Amino acid sequence: MQIMPDLSFDEASDRYDLVLVAGGPNLPYADPDPAMGAWLRSVASRTEMLGSICTGAFALGNAGLLDGRRVTTHWQVADKLAARFPAARVEPDLIHVRDGPIITSAGVTAGIDLALALVRERHGADVAVAVAKRLVVLAQRQGGQSQFSPYLSAPADPESPIARLQAHVMAHIGQRHTLASLAETVGMSARNMARHFVRETGITPHEFVERARVDAARMLLEGTHLPLKAVAFDCGFGTADRMRMVFADRLGITPAQYRASFQH
């Protein structure tokens, strides 16, 4: 199958209501395309709205169009986008973002969410819901990208005390973990351990424990039929209400909604 353009950059000189850059697997890693960058800068002044789907945000960034803007992209490359374009404010958990005339969406199917948001904005909620039903998709997705992305990443040195500490937490996820107990696990003072932990992982020990609990709970919600209160207890939340609060804060959905969406 071939996809052929209707116009070249030189020929596409009209005014447009909407210009979107499609994503592609090489965009985060390839050198900037000078012709595309020049055309995007040119069209930005003659279009009502300019945006991207998935990794298309890198093309906008290469053209200098993300500076000072809130944007998003696929969760796997959000950190790379933020590092490459520090003048942009990357929102890694959002499905789509609009900042003035710039609109961006997360990975591929998030383009549908973005399109439905534009339909809702221009034609009202009833039309957006009707279109969503026609497409057999949700009119407005609940939660953000965090419900799809892993929360935990391995430390730089798998043999380090911090790696051993992380392994200990995940092996005893249902237990109570304090700064003192975690430090004792690796034979360090609480202050020294906390400093090393942040330096190696970029997050605090408390943040890691909570993320580990969320990931453990997600696995149980996906792969078992345990009651929510049992999942909460086994993963160290204590109560289902506490687990619900953490899920709402971190994932934007409840444990029950997560199970309904992802259970095998």
C-alpha atoms as a PDB file:
ATOM      1  CA  MET A   1       0.000   0.000   0.000  1.00  0.00           C
ATOM      2  CA  GLN A   2       1.280   3.443  -0.882  1.00  0.00           C
ATOM      3  CA  ILE A   3       0.251   6.743   0.651  1.00  0.00           C
ATOM      4  CA  MET A   4       0.911   9.600  -1.711  1.00  0.00           C
ATOM      5  CA  PRO A   5       0.649  13.325  -0.867  1.00  0.00           C
ATOM      6  CA  ASP A   6      -1.706  15.609  -2.753  1.00  0.00           C
ATOM      7  CA  LEU A   7       0.696  18.548  -2.525  1.00  0.00           C
ATOM      8  CA  SER A   8       4.371  19.239  -1.929  1.00  0.00           C
ATOM      9  CA  PHE A   9       5.493  21.746   0.704  1.00  0.00           C
ATOM     10  CA  ASP A  10       5.982  24.335  -2.032  1.00  0.00           C
ATOM     11  CA  GLU A  11       2.467  23.754  -3.381  1.00  0.00           C
ATOM     12  CA  ALA A  12       0.688  23.790   0.001  1.00  0.00           C
ATOM     13  CA  SER A  13       0.474  27.557   0.307  1.00  0.00           C
ATOM     14  CA  ASP A  14      -3.226  28.110   1.078  1.00  0.00           C
ATOM     15  CA  ARG A  15      -4.743  29.180   4.383  1.00  0.00           C
ATOM     16  CA  TYR A  16      -5.929  26.225   6.462  1.00  0.00           C
ATOM     17  CA  ASP A  17      -8.369  25.764   9.323  1.00  0.00           C
ATOM     18  CA  LEU A  18      -6.335  22.940  10.839  1.00  0.00           C
ATOM     19  CA  VAL A  19      -2.871  21.487  10.225  1.00  0.00           C
ATOM     20  CA  LEU A  20      -1.834  18.256  11.970  1.00  0.00           C
ATOM     21  CA  VAL A  21       1.537  16.511  11.864  1.00  0.00           C
ATOM     22  CA  ALA A  22       1.234  12.724  11.977  1.00  0.00           C
ATOM     23  CA  GLY A  23       3.556  10.751  14.229  1.00  0.00           C
ATOM     24  CA  GLY A  24       6.147   8.247  13.116  1.00  0.00           C
ATOM     25  CA  PRO A  25       8.557   5.871  14.869  1.00  0.00           C
ATOM     26  CA  ASN A  26      11.674   7.722  13.669  1.00  0.00           C
ATOM     27  CA  LEU A  27      10.645  11.290  14.494  1.00  0.00           C
ATOM     28  CA  PRO A  28      12.061  11.292  18.064  1.00  0.00           C
ATOM     29  CA  TYR A  29      15.432  10.028  16.802  1.00  0.00           C
ATOM     30  CA  ALA A  30      15.905  11.400  13.275  1.00  0.00           C
ATOM     31  CA  ASP A  31      17.607  14.667  12.415  1.00  0.00           C
ATOM     32  CA  PRO A  32      15.205  17.579  11.828  1.00  0.00           C
ATOM     33  CA  ASP A  33      13.775  17.863   8.305  1.00  0.00           C
ATOM     34  CA  PRO A  34      14.633  21.426   7.181  1.00  0.00           C
ATOM     35  CA  ALA A  35      11.913  21.505   4.517  1.00  0.00           C
ATOM     36  CA  MET A  36       9.215  20.369   6.943  1.00  0.00           C
ATOM     37  CA  GLY A  37      10.397  22.800   9.606  1.00  0.00           C
ATOM     38  CA  ALA A  38      10.361  25.734   7.209  1.00  0.00           C
ATOM     39  CA  TRP A  39       6.872  24.830   5.959  1.00  0.00           C
ATOM     40  CA  LEU A  40       5.493  24.447   9.492  1.00  0.00           C
ATOM     41  CA  ARG A  41       6.852  27.844  10.512  1.00  0.00           C
ATOM     42  CA  SER A  42       5.330  29.338   7.388  1.00  0.00           C
ATOM     43  CA  VAL A  43       1.922  27.695   7.780  1.00  0.00           C
ATOM     44  CA  ALA A  44       1.731  28.606  11.495  1.00  0.00           C
ATOM     45  CA  SER A  45       0.916  32.191  10.532  1.00  0.00           C
ATOM     46  CA  ARG A  46      -1.865  31.190   8.151  1.00  0.00           C
ATOM     47  CA  THR A  47      -3.723  28.460   9.993  1.00  0.00           C
ATOM     48  CA  GLU A  48      -6.264  28.727  12.779  1.00  0.00           C
ATOM     49  CA  MET A  49      -4.952  25.675  14.593  1.00  0.00           C
ATOM     50  CA  LEU A  50      -1.692  23.705  14.356  1.00  0.00           C
ATOM     51  CA  GLY A  51      -0.983  20.446  16.083  1.00  0.00           C
ATOM     52  CA  SER A  52       0.346  16.918  16.168  1.00  0.00           C
ATOM     53  CA  ILE A  53      -0.595  13.321  16.787  1.00  0.00           C
ATOM     54  CA  CYS A  54       1.750  11.163  18.891  1.00  0.00           C
ATOM     55  CA  THR A  55       5.416  11.779  18.011  1.00  0.00           C
ATOM     56  CA  GLY A  56       4.475  14.460  15.481  1.00  0.00           C
ATOM     57  CA  ALA A  57       5.174  16.850  18.361  1.00  0.00           C
ATOM     58  CA  PHE A  58       8.894  16.421  17.626  1.00  0.00           C
ATOM     59  CA  ALA A  59       8.393  17.975  14.183  1.00  0.00           C
ATOM     60  CA  LEU A  60       6.652  20.959  15.796  1.00  0.00           C
ATOM     61  CA  GLY A  61       9.486  21.229  18.301  1.00  0.00           C
ATOM     62  CA  ASN A  62      12.133  21.080  15.580  1.00  0.00           C
ATOM     63  CA  ALA A  63      10.318  23.967  13.888  1.00  0.00           C
ATOM     64  CA  GLY A  64      10.492  26.006  17.115  1.00  0.00           C
ATOM     65  CA  LEU A  65       6.720  25.995  17.589  1.00  0.00           C
ATOM     66  CA  LEU A  66       6.543  24.420  21.048  1.00  0.00           C
ATOM     67  CA  ASP A  67       8.447  27.078  22.991  1.00  0.00           C
ATOM     68  CA  GLY A  68       6.365  28.345  25.908  1.00  0.00           C
ATOM     69  CA  ARG A  69       3.539  25.900  25.145  1.00  0.00           C
ATOM     70  CA  ARG A  70       1.902  23.097  27.147  1.00  0.00           C
ATOM     71  CA  VAL A  71       2.114  19.958  24.997  1.00  0.00           C
ATOM     72  CA  THR A  72       1.961  16.183  25.160  1.00  0.00           C
ATOM     73  CA  THR A  73       3.095  13.155  23.186  1.00  0.00           C
ATOM     74  CA  HIS A  74       3.299   9.376  23.606  1.00  0.00           C
ATOM     75  CA  TRP A  75       4.312   8.473  27.163  1.00  0.00           C
ATOM     76  CA  GLN A  76       7.305   6.437  25.955  1.00  0.00           C
ATOM     77  CA  VAL A  77       9.021   9.496  24.478  1.00  0.00           C
ATOM     78  CA  ALA A  78       7.632  12.282  26.682  1.00  0.00           C
ATOM     79  CA  ASP A  79      10.897  12.566  28.626  1.00  0.00           C
ATOM     80  CA  LYS A  80      12.828  12.790  25.360  1.00  0.00           C
ATOM     81  CA  LEU A  81      10.536  15.563  24.106  1.00  0.00           C
ATOM     82  CA  ALA A  82      10.994  17.505  27.349  1.00  0.00           C
ATOM     83  CA  ALA A  83      14.781  17.095  27.227  1.00  0.00           C
ATOM     84  CA  ARG A  84      15.076  18.154  23.592  1.00  0.00           C
ATOM     85  CA  PHE A  85      12.742  21.155  23.897  1.00  0.00           C
ATOM     86  CA  PRO A  86      13.190  22.513  27.435  1.00  0.00           C
ATOM     87  CA  ALA A  87      11.263  25.698  26.606  1.00  0.00           C
ATOM     88  CA  ALA A  88       8.108  23.576  26.166  1.00  0.00           C
ATOM     89  CA  ARG A  89       6.045  22.365  29.122  1.00  0.00           C
ATOM     90  CA  VAL A  90       5.512  18.659  28.430  1.00  0.00           C
ATOM     91  CA  GLU A  91       2.480  17.073  30.143  1.00  0.00           C
ATOM     92  CA  PRO A  92       3.288  13.329  30.001  1.00  0.00           C
ATOM     93  CA  ASP A  93       0.018  12.110  31.517  1.00  0.00           C
ATOM     94  CA  LEU A  94      -2.480  14.009  29.376  1.00  0.00           C
ATOM     95  CA  ILE A  95      -4.310  12.402  26.438  1.00  0.00           C
ATOM     96  CA  HIS A  96      -4.426  15.690  24.547  1.00  0.00           C
ATOM     97  CA  VAL A  97      -3.578  19.324  25.243  1.00  0.00           C
ATOM     98  CA  ARG A  98      -4.628  22.622  23.728  1.00  0.00           C
ATOM     99  CA  ASP A  99      -2.544  25.733  24.365  1.00  0.00           C
ATOM    100  CA  GLY A 100      -3.806  28.607  22.247  1.00  0.00           C
ATOM    101  CA  PRO A 101      -3.569  27.596  18.590  1.00  0.00           C
ATOM    102  CA  ILE A 102      -1.305  24.597  19.363  1.00  0.00           C
ATOM    103  CA  ILE A 103      -2.944  21.204  19.933  1.00  0.00           C
ATOM    104  CA  THR A 104      -1.112  17.959  20.651  1.00  0.00           C
ATOM    105  CA  SER A 105      -2.177  14.419  21.486  1.00  0.00           C
ATOM    106  CA  ALA A 106      -0.637  11.312  23.002  1.00  0.00           C
ATOM    107  CA  GLY A 107      -0.074   8.048  21.102  1.00  0.00           C
ATOM    108  CA  VAL A 108      -1.899   7.169  17.876  1.00  0.00           C
ATOM    109  CA  THR A 109      -5.475   6.495  19.045  1.00  0.00           C
ATOM    110  CA  ALA A 110      -5.337   9.593  21.256  1.00  0.00           C
ATOM    111  CA  GLY A 111      -5.789  11.417  17.949  1.00  0.00           C
ATOM    112  CA  ILE A 112      -9.391  10.189  18.090  1.00  0.00           C
ATOM    113  CA  ASP A 113      -9.778  11.753  21.536  1.00  0.00           C
ATOM    114  CA  LEU A 114      -8.346  14.992  20.190  1.00  0.00           C
ATOM    115  CA  ALA A 115     -10.658  14.926  17.161  1.00  0.00           C
ATOM    116  CA  LEU A 116     -13.710  14.343  19.361  1.00  0.00           C
ATOM    117  CA  ALA A 117     -12.652  17.238  21.603  1.00  0.00           C
ATOM    118  CA  LEU A 118     -12.509  19.505  18.538  1.00  0.00           C
ATOM    119  CA  VAL A 119     -15.928  18.286  17.402  1.00  0.00           C
ATOM    120  CA  ARG A 120     -17.290  18.957  20.903  1.00  0.00           C
ATOM    121  CA  GLU A 121     -15.767  22.432  20.899  1.00  0.00           C
ATOM    122  CA  ARG A 122     -17.144  23.417  17.498  1.00  0.00           C
ATOM    123  CA  HIS A 123     -20.409  21.513  17.305  1.00  0.00           C
ATOM    124  CA  GLY A 124     -21.421  20.675  20.871  1.00  0.00           C
ATOM    125  CA  ALA A 125     -21.433  17.637  23.140  1.00  0.00           C
ATOM    126  CA  ASP A 126     -24.411  15.949  21.460  1.00  0.00           C
ATOM    127  CA  VAL A 127     -22.682  15.799  18.095  1.00  0.00           C
ATOM    128  CA  ALA A 128     -19.434  14.585  19.700  1.00  0.00           C
ATOM    129  CA  VAL A 129     -21.275  11.783  21.509  1.00  0.00           C
ATOM    130  CA  ALA A 130     -23.076  10.787  18.296  1.00  0.00           C
ATOM    131  CA  VAL A 131     -19.760  10.619  16.419  1.00  0.00           C
ATOM    132  CA  ALA A 132     -18.161   8.597  19.228  1.00  0.00           C
ATOM    133  CA  LYS A 133     -21.031   6.096  19.159  1.00  0.00           C
ATOM    134  CA  ARG A 134     -20.690   5.805  15.398  1.00  0.00           C
ATOM    135  CA  LEU A 135     -16.981   5.061  15.809  1.00  0.00           C
ATOM    136  CA  VAL A 136     -17.652   2.683  18.743  1.00  0.00           C
ATOM    137  CA  VAL A 137     -15.280   4.618  21.009  1.00  0.00           C
ATOM    138  CA  LEU A 138     -15.608   6.567  24.249  1.00  0.00           C
ATOM    139  CA  ALA A 139     -16.736  10.157  23.781  1.00  0.00           C
ATOM    140  CA  GLN A 140     -14.301  11.224  26.503  1.00  0.00           C
ATOM    141  CA  ARG A 141     -11.672   8.858  27.833  1.00  0.00           C
ATOM    142  CA  GLN A 142     -11.284   8.684  31.605  1.00  0.00           C
ATOM    143  CA  GLY A 143      -7.883   9.181  33.169  1.00  0.00           C
ATOM    144  CA  GLY A 144      -4.553   9.919  31.558  1.00  0.00           C
ATOM    145  CA  GLN A 145      -1.643   8.065  29.998  1.00  0.00           C
ATOM    146  CA  SER A 146      -0.473   6.797  33.398  1.00  0.00           C
ATOM    147  CA  GLN A 147      -3.039   4.011  33.237  1.00  0.00           C
ATOM    148  CA  PHE A 148      -1.171   2.629  30.200  1.00  0.00           C
ATOM    149  CA  SER A 149       2.448   3.306  31.143  1.00  0.00           C
ATOM    150  CA  PRO A 150       4.568   1.494  33.740  1.00  0.00           C
ATOM    151  CA  TYR A 151       5.249   3.564  36.828  1.00  0.00           C
ATOM    152  CA  LEU A 152       8.520   1.952  37.821  1.00  0.00           C
ATOM    153  CA  SER A 153      11.876   1.975  36.069  1.00  0.00           C
ATOM    154  CA  ALA A 154      15.003   0.087  37.009  1.00  0.00           C
ATOM    155  CA  PRO A 155      17.832   1.973  38.721  1.00  0.00           C
ATOM    156  CA  ALA A 156      20.946   2.725  36.737  1.00  0.00           C
ATOM    157  CA  ASP A 157      23.011   0.179  38.691  1.00  0.00           C
ATOM    158  CA  PRO A 158      21.098  -3.079  39.328  1.00  0.00           C
ATOM    159  CA  GLU A 159      23.652  -4.097  41.995  1.00  0.00           C
ATOM    160  CA  SER A 160      23.414  -0.856  43.980  1.00  0.00           C
ATOM    161  CA  PRO A 161      21.922  -0.611  47.486  1.00  0.00           C
ATOM    162  CA  ILE A 162      19.048   1.356  46.002  1.00  0.00           C
ATOM    163  CA  ALA A 163      18.240  -1.517  43.624  1.00  0.00           C
ATOM    164  CA  ARG A 164      18.268  -3.932  46.580  1.00  0.00           C
ATOM    165  CA  LEU A 165      15.981  -1.599  48.487  1.00  0.00           C
ATOM    166  CA  GLN A 166      13.543  -1.408  45.565  1.00  0.00           C
ATOM    167  CA  ALA A 167      13.525  -5.185  45.258  1.00  0.00           C
ATOM    168  CA  HIS A 168      12.822  -5.450  48.984  1.00  0.00           C
ATOM    169  CA  VAL A 169       9.853  -3.084  48.739  1.00  0.00           C
ATOM    170  CA  MET A 170       8.333  -4.952  45.802  1.00  0.00           C
ATOM    171  CA  ALA A 171       8.858  -8.318  47.492  1.00  0.00           C
ATOM    172  CA  HIS A 172       7.127  -7.054  50.653  1.00  0.00           C
ATOM    173  CA  ILE A 173       4.646  -4.654  49.102  1.00  0.00           C
ATOM    174  CA  GLY A 174       1.944  -5.302  51.687  1.00  0.00           C
ATOM    175  CA  GLN A 175       4.135  -4.290  54.623  1.00  0.00           C
ATOM    176  CA  ARG A 176       4.469  -0.824  56.162  1.00  0.00           C
ATOM    177  CA  HIS A 177       7.626   0.921  54.960  1.00  0.00           C
ATOM    178  CA  THR A 178       9.101   3.900  56.767  1.00  0.00           C
ATOM    179  CA  LEU A 179      12.237   5.870  55.968  1.00  0.00           C
ATOM    180  CA  ALA A 180      13.930   4.259  58.974  1.00  0.00           C
ATOM    181  CA  SER A 181      12.938   0.701  58.061  1.00  0.00           C
ATOM    182  CA  LEU A 182      14.019   1.167  54.449  1.00  0.00           C
ATOM    183  CA  ALA A 183      17.379   2.573  55.519  1.00  0.00           C
ATOM    184  CA  GLU A 184      17.916  -0.338  57.893  1.00  0.00           C
ATOM    185  CA  THR A 185      17.307  -2.762  55.015  1.00  0.00           C
ATOM    186  CA  VAL A 186      20.423  -1.530  53.209  1.00  0.00           C
ATOM    187  CA  GLY A 187      22.483  -0.607  56.269  1.00  0.00           C
ATOM    188  CA  MET A 188      22.442   3.149  55.725  1.00  0.00           C
ATOM    189  CA  SER A 189      21.291   6.125  57.744  1.00  0.00           C
ATOM    190  CA  ALA A 190      17.839   7.406  56.799  1.00  0.00           C
ATOM    191  CA  ARG A 191      19.198  10.737  55.602  1.00  0.00           C
ATOM    192  CA  ASN A 192      21.999   9.194  53.537  1.00  0.00           C
ATOM    193  CA  MET A 193      19.681   6.586  52.016  1.00  0.00           C
ATOM    194  CA  ALA A 194      17.096   9.210  51.041  1.00  0.00           C
ATOM    195  CA  ARG A 195      19.777  11.370  49.407  1.00  0.00           C
ATOM    196  CA  HIS A 196      21.188   8.430  47.415  1.00  0.00           C
ATOM    197  CA  PHE A 197      17.703   7.279  46.465  1.00  0.00           C
ATOM    198  CA  VAL A 198      16.718  10.628  44.967  1.00  0.00           C
ATOM    199  CA  ARG A 199      20.053  10.958  43.172  1.00  0.00           C
ATOM    200  CA  GLU A 200      19.758   7.509  41.559  1.00  0.00           C
ATOM    201  CA  THR A 201      16.041   7.407  40.782  1.00  0.00           C
ATOM    202  CA  GLY A 202      14.873  11.021  40.643  1.00  0.00           C
ATOM    203  CA  ILE A 203      12.082  10.366  43.158  1.00  0.00           C
ATOM    204  CA  THR A 204      11.834  10.059  46.940  1.00  0.00           C
ATOM    205  CA  PRO A 205      11.572   6.688  48.727  1.00  0.00           C
ATOM    206  CA  HIS A 206       7.979   7.536  49.708  1.00  0.00           C
ATOM    207  CA  GLU A 207       7.124   8.242  46.075  1.00  0.00           C
ATOM    208  CA  PHE A 208       8.665   4.936  45.012  1.00  0.00           C
ATOM    209  CA  VAL A 209       6.711   2.955  47.609  1.00  0.00           C
ATOM    210  CA  GLU A 210       3.432   4.498  46.485  1.00  0.00           C
ATOM    211  CA  ARG A 211       4.229   3.894  42.813  1.00  0.00           C
ATOM    212  CA  ALA A 212       5.168   0.302  43.607  1.00  0.00           C
ATOM    213  CA  ARG A 213       1.845  -0.182  45.400  1.00  0.00           C
ATOM    214  CA  VAL A 214      -0.044   1.213  42.410  1.00  0.00           C
ATOM    215  CA  ASP A 215       1.786  -1.091  39.993  1.00  0.00           C
ATOM    216  CA  ALA A 216       1.206  -4.118  42.227  1.00  0.00           C
ATOM    217  CA  ALA A 217      -2.474  -3.243  42.492  1.00  0.00           C
ATOM    218  CA  ARG A 218      -2.747  -2.802  38.734  1.00  0.00           C
ATOM    219  CA  MET A 219      -1.359  -6.305  38.199  1.00  0.00           C
ATOM    220  CA  LEU A 220      -3.875  -7.809  40.639  1.00  0.00           C
ATOM    221  CA  LEU A 221      -6.752  -5.831  39.125  1.00  0.00           C
ATOM    222  CA  GLU A 222      -5.779  -7.011  35.649  1.00  0.00           C
ATOM    223  CA  GLY A 223      -5.082 -10.662  36.462  1.00  0.00           C
ATOM    224  CA  THR A 224      -7.339 -11.655  39.371  1.00  0.00           C
ATOM    225  CA  HIS A 225     -10.908 -11.344  40.590  1.00  0.00           C
ATOM    226  CA  LEU A 226      -9.903 -10.484  44.161  1.00  0.00           C
ATOM    227  CA  PRO A 227     -12.259  -8.016  45.882  1.00  0.00           C
ATOM    228  CA  LEU A 228     -10.992  -4.446  45.927  1.00  0.00           C
ATOM    229  CA  LYS A 229     -10.501  -4.515  49.703  1.00  0.00           C
ATOM    230  CA  ALA A 230      -8.288  -7.618  49.353  1.00  0.00           C
ATOM    231  CA  VAL A 231      -6.219  -5.957  46.618  1.00  0.00           C
ATOM    232  CA  ALA A 232      -5.855  -2.856  48.783  1.00  0.00           C
ATOM    233  CA  PHE A 233      -4.708  -4.904  51.786  1.00  0.00           C
ATOM    234  CA  ASP A 234      -2.294  -7.100  49.821  1.00  0.00           C
ATOM    235  CA  CYS A 235      -0.681  -4.057  48.178  1.00  0.00           C
ATOM    236  CA  GLY A 236      -0.214  -2.094  51.378  1.00  0.00           C
ATOM    237  CA  PHE A 237      -2.904   0.553  50.942  1.00  0.00           C
ATOM    238  CA  GLY A 238      -4.716  -0.652  54.040  1.00  0.00           C
ATOM    239  CA  THR A 239      -8.236   0.121  52.853  1.00  0.00           C
ATOM    240  CA  ALA A 240     -10.094   0.205  49.558  1.00  0.00           C
ATOM    241  CA  ASP A 241     -10.912   3.871  50.171  1.00  0.00           C
ATOM    242  CA  ARG A 242      -7.214   4.748  50.466  1.00  0.00           C
ATOM    243  CA  MET A 243      -6.439   2.794  47.269  1.00  0.00           C
ATOM    244  CA  ARG A 244      -9.278   4.594  45.494  1.00  0.00           C
ATOM    245  CA  MET A 245      -7.869   7.976  46.537  1.00  0.00           C
ATOM    246  CA  VAL A 246      -4.366   7.112  45.299  1.00  0.00           C
ATOM    247  CA  PHE A 247      -5.672   5.758  41.974  1.00  0.00           C
ATOM    248  CA  ALA A 248      -7.799   8.851  41.437  1.00  0.00           C
ATOM    249  CA  ASP A 249      -4.817  11.091  42.174  1.00  0.00           C
ATOM    250  CA  ARG A 250      -2.252   9.188  40.108  1.00  0.00           C
ATOM    251  CA  LEU A 251      -4.258   7.600  37.281  1.00  0.00           C
ATOM    252  CA  GLY A 252      -7.364   9.747  37.154  1.00  0.00           C
ATOM    253  CA  ILE A 253      -9.646   6.708  37.457  1.00  0.00           C
ATOM    254  CA  THR A 254     -10.877   4.419  40.231  1.00  0.00           C
ATOM    255  CA  PRO A 255      -9.602   0.857  40.760  1.00  0.00           C
ATOM    256  CA  ALA A 256     -12.976  -0.458  39.578  1.00  0.00           C
ATOM    257  CA  GLN A 257     -12.734   1.573  36.367  1.00  0.00           C
ATOM    258  CA  TYR A 258      -9.178   0.364  35.823  1.00  0.00           C
ATOM    259  CA  ARG A 259     -10.258  -3.270  36.239  1.00  0.00           C
ATOM    260  CA  ALA A 260     -13.151  -2.798  33.826  1.00  0.00           C
ATOM    261  CA  SER A 261     -10.773  -1.422  31.191  1.00  0.00           C
ATOM    262  CA  PHE A 262      -7.781  -3.752  31.550  1.00  0.00           C
ATOM    263  CA  GLN A 263      -8.770  -7.036  33.134  1.00  0.00           C
ATOM    264  CA  HIS A 264      -7.662 -10.017  31.043  1.00  0.00           C
END
